[in-house]
Amino acid sequence: TNRKIYIHTNPKDCDVLLVIGEPNSSNSLRLVESANRAGSGFSTLVQNASEIPWPKLEGAKIVGISAGASAPEKLVLEVLGALSDRFVTHVTEASVAEENITFKLPASVQS
């Protein structure tokens, strides 16, 4: 269709949020839970573009995309491509939180 959707990453601004990741990934599952708590209209986990719940996107104006830490960029691009095939898309990036945590290496691996 020619319906325009915006692809964004801030869950509180999204009608639908797709989290790309594996169903056994605790990180990906926490992202879905966090999006629901933040006020996303509908959040779900998809492993790839074939799992996009197209009926849930009916009427959505802003679709969010996030990905688990181990999700390959290739899958993110695949989902973006599938959305672009069906809709006129406008992609914006949003920083929800900035991480600046550093972990000290164990003494056994320090040089």
C-alpha atoms as a PDB file:
ATOM      1  CA  THR A   1       0.000   0.000   0.000  1.00  0.00           C
ATOM      2  CA  ASN A   2       1.009   3.628  -0.120  1.00  0.00           C
ATOM      3  CA  ARG A   3       0.178   4.194   3.523  1.00  0.00           C
ATOM      4  CA  LYS A   4       3.026   5.960   5.265  1.00  0.00           C
ATOM      5  CA  ILE A   5       4.441   4.589   8.488  1.00  0.00           C
ATOM      6  CA  TYR A   6       7.266   5.906  10.609  1.00  0.00           C
ATOM      7  CA  ILE A   7       9.819   3.483  11.959  1.00  0.00           C
ATOM      8  CA  HIS A   8      11.070   4.560  15.335  1.00  0.00           C
ATOM      9  CA  THR A   9      12.637   2.986  18.404  1.00  0.00           C
ATOM     10  CA  ASN A  10      11.151   4.809  21.389  1.00  0.00           C
ATOM     11  CA  PRO A  11       8.447   2.412  22.651  1.00  0.00           C
ATOM     12  CA  LYS A  12       6.220   5.072  24.208  1.00  0.00           C
ATOM     13  CA  ASP A  13       5.840   6.675  20.762  1.00  0.00           C
ATOM     14  CA  CYS A  14       4.991   3.436  18.925  1.00  0.00           C
ATOM     15  CA  ASP A  15       1.687   1.877  17.962  1.00  0.00           C
ATOM     16  CA  VAL A  16       3.534  -1.399  17.375  1.00  0.00           C
ATOM     17  CA  LEU A  17       7.041  -2.392  18.474  1.00  0.00           C
ATOM     18  CA  LEU A  18       8.805  -5.348  16.863  1.00  0.00           C
ATOM     19  CA  VAL A  19      11.711  -6.804  18.820  1.00  0.00           C
ATOM     20  CA  ILE A  20      13.980  -8.906  16.644  1.00  0.00           C
ATOM     21  CA  GLY A  21      15.484 -11.826  18.503  1.00  0.00           C
ATOM     22  CA  GLU A  22      15.272 -15.451  19.496  1.00  0.00           C
ATOM     23  CA  PRO A  23      12.455 -16.704  21.747  1.00  0.00           C
ATOM     24  CA  ASN A  24      15.027 -18.167  24.137  1.00  0.00           C
ATOM     25  CA  SER A  25      16.883 -14.845  24.477  1.00  0.00           C
ATOM     26  CA  SER A  26      16.207 -13.342  27.892  1.00  0.00           C
ATOM     27  CA  ASN A  27      17.512 -10.009  26.577  1.00  0.00           C
ATOM     28  CA  SER A  28      14.989  -9.958  23.713  1.00  0.00           C
ATOM     29  CA  LEU A  29      12.124 -11.015  25.989  1.00  0.00           C
ATOM     30  CA  ARG A  30      13.015  -8.228  28.456  1.00  0.00           C
ATOM     31  CA  LEU A  31      12.916  -5.730  25.573  1.00  0.00           C
ATOM     32  CA  VAL A  32       9.330  -6.793  24.793  1.00  0.00           C
ATOM     33  CA  GLU A  33       8.369  -6.515  28.469  1.00  0.00           C
ATOM     34  CA  SER A  34      10.059  -3.110  28.787  1.00  0.00           C
ATOM     35  CA  ALA A  35       8.265  -1.818  25.698  1.00  0.00           C
ATOM     36  CA  ASN A  36       4.920  -2.915  27.105  1.00  0.00           C
ATOM     37  CA  ARG A  37       5.678  -1.199  30.424  1.00  0.00           C
ATOM     38  CA  ALA A  38       6.796   1.958  28.576  1.00  0.00           C
ATOM     39  CA  GLY A  39       3.435   2.220  26.844  1.00  0.00           C
ATOM     40  CA  SER A  40       3.889   0.715  23.401  1.00  0.00           C
ATOM     41  CA  GLY A  41       0.499  -0.077  21.865  1.00  0.00           C
ATOM     42  CA  PHE A  42       1.550  -3.645  20.983  1.00  0.00           C
ATOM     43  CA  SER A  43       4.978  -5.264  21.377  1.00  0.00           C
ATOM     44  CA  THR A  44       6.054  -8.648  20.128  1.00  0.00           C
ATOM     45  CA  LEU A  45       9.118 -10.754  19.432  1.00  0.00           C
ATOM     46  CA  VAL A  46       9.888 -11.751  15.828  1.00  0.00           C
ATOM     47  CA  GLN A  47      12.801 -13.872  14.692  1.00  0.00           C
ATOM     48  CA  ASN A  48      12.750 -12.527  11.125  1.00  0.00           C
ATOM     49  CA  ALA A  49      10.564 -10.757   8.555  1.00  0.00           C
ATOM     50  CA  SER A  50       8.405 -13.838   7.962  1.00  0.00           C
ATOM     51  CA  GLU A  51       7.088 -13.523  11.538  1.00  0.00           C
ATOM     52  CA  ILE A  52       5.878  -9.918  11.264  1.00  0.00           C
ATOM     53  CA  PRO A  53       2.254  -9.904  12.477  1.00  0.00           C
ATOM     54  CA  TRP A  54       0.873  -7.890   9.547  1.00  0.00           C
ATOM     55  CA  PRO A  55      -2.711  -7.687  10.896  1.00  0.00           C
ATOM     56  CA  LYS A  56      -1.380  -5.919  14.018  1.00  0.00           C
ATOM     57  CA  LEU A  57       0.130  -3.222  11.781  1.00  0.00           C
ATOM     58  CA  GLU A  58      -3.290  -2.290  10.360  1.00  0.00           C
ATOM     59  CA  GLY A  59      -3.837   1.345  11.300  1.00  0.00           C
ATOM     60  CA  ALA A  60      -0.391   1.733  12.881  1.00  0.00           C
ATOM     61  CA  LYS A  61       1.290   5.039  12.101  1.00  0.00           C
ATOM     62  CA  ILE A  62       4.497   4.468  14.055  1.00  0.00           C
ATOM     63  CA  VAL A  63       6.199   1.075  14.120  1.00  0.00           C
ATOM     64  CA  GLY A  64       9.170   0.591  16.401  1.00  0.00           C
ATOM     65  CA  ILE A  65      12.022  -1.800  15.809  1.00  0.00           C
ATOM     66  CA  SER A  66      14.475  -2.963  18.405  1.00  0.00           C
ATOM     67  CA  ALA A  67      16.728  -5.992  18.525  1.00  0.00           C
ATOM     68  CA  GLY A  68      18.223  -8.266  21.105  1.00  0.00           C
ATOM     69  CA  ALA A  69      21.949  -7.980  21.714  1.00  0.00           C
ATOM     70  CA  SER A  70      22.737 -11.105  19.680  1.00  0.00           C
ATOM     71  CA  ALA A  71      20.403 -10.368  16.742  1.00  0.00           C
ATOM     72  CA  PRO A  72      22.434  -9.955  13.551  1.00  0.00           C
ATOM     73  CA  GLU A  73      22.087  -6.647  11.705  1.00  0.00           C
ATOM     74  CA  LYS A  74      21.083  -8.675   8.637  1.00  0.00           C
ATOM     75  CA  LEU A  75      17.785  -9.561  10.360  1.00  0.00           C
ATOM     76  CA  VAL A  76      17.112  -5.930  11.273  1.00  0.00           C
ATOM     77  CA  LEU A  77      17.659  -4.929   7.642  1.00  0.00           C
ATOM     78  CA  GLU A  78      15.401  -7.799   6.513  1.00  0.00           C
ATOM     79  CA  VAL A  79      12.554  -6.544   8.733  1.00  0.00           C
ATOM     80  CA  LEU A  80      13.094  -2.962   7.551  1.00  0.00           C
ATOM     81  CA  GLY A  81      13.016  -4.184   3.960  1.00  0.00           C
ATOM     82  CA  ALA A  82       9.764  -6.088   4.482  1.00  0.00           C
ATOM     83  CA  LEU A  83       8.145  -2.989   5.989  1.00  0.00           C
ATOM     84  CA  SER A  84       9.426  -0.859   3.102  1.00  0.00           C
ATOM     85  CA  ASP A  85       7.991  -3.341   0.600  1.00  0.00           C
ATOM     86  CA  ARG A  86       4.482  -2.805   2.015  1.00  0.00           C
ATOM     87  CA  PHE A  87       4.538   0.816   3.184  1.00  0.00           C
ATOM     88  CA  VAL A  88       6.126   4.126   2.413  1.00  0.00           C
ATOM     89  CA  THR A  89       8.534   4.314   5.350  1.00  0.00           C
ATOM     90  CA  HIS A  90      10.400   7.060   7.125  1.00  0.00           C
ATOM     91  CA  VAL A  91      13.114   5.845   9.498  1.00  0.00           C
ATOM     92  CA  THR A  92      14.214   7.825  12.546  1.00  0.00           C
ATOM     93  CA  GLU A  93      16.532   6.751  15.325  1.00  0.00           C
ATOM     94  CA  ALA A  94      15.819   7.400  18.960  1.00  0.00           C
ATOM     95  CA  SER A  95      18.113   6.994  21.919  1.00  0.00           C
ATOM     96  CA  VAL A  96      16.051   5.693  24.806  1.00  0.00           C
ATOM     97  CA  ALA A  97      18.952   5.166  27.188  1.00  0.00           C
ATOM     98  CA  GLU A  98      22.676   5.634  26.945  1.00  0.00           C
ATOM     99  CA  GLU A  99      24.782   2.870  28.388  1.00  0.00           C
ATOM    100  CA  ASN A 100      28.197   3.681  29.753  1.00  0.00           C
ATOM    101  CA  ILE A 101      28.894   0.673  31.910  1.00  0.00           C
ATOM    102  CA  THR A 102      32.362  -0.825  31.754  1.00  0.00           C
ATOM    103  CA  PHE A 103      33.343  -4.158  33.184  1.00  0.00           C
ATOM    104  CA  LYS A 104      36.726  -4.895  34.653  1.00  0.00           C
ATOM    105  CA  LEU A 105      38.412  -7.886  33.076  1.00  0.00           C
ATOM    106  CA  PRO A 106      39.270 -10.742  35.426  1.00  0.00           C
ATOM    107  CA  ALA A 107      42.920 -10.772  36.482  1.00  0.00           C
ATOM    108  CA  SER A 108      43.439 -14.074  34.636  1.00  0.00           C
ATOM    109  CA  VAL A 109      42.808 -12.407  31.249  1.00  0.00           C
ATOM    110  CA  GLN A 110      44.398  -9.011  31.866  1.00  0.00           C
ATOM    111  CA  SER A 111      47.754  -8.506  30.154  1.00  0.00           C
END
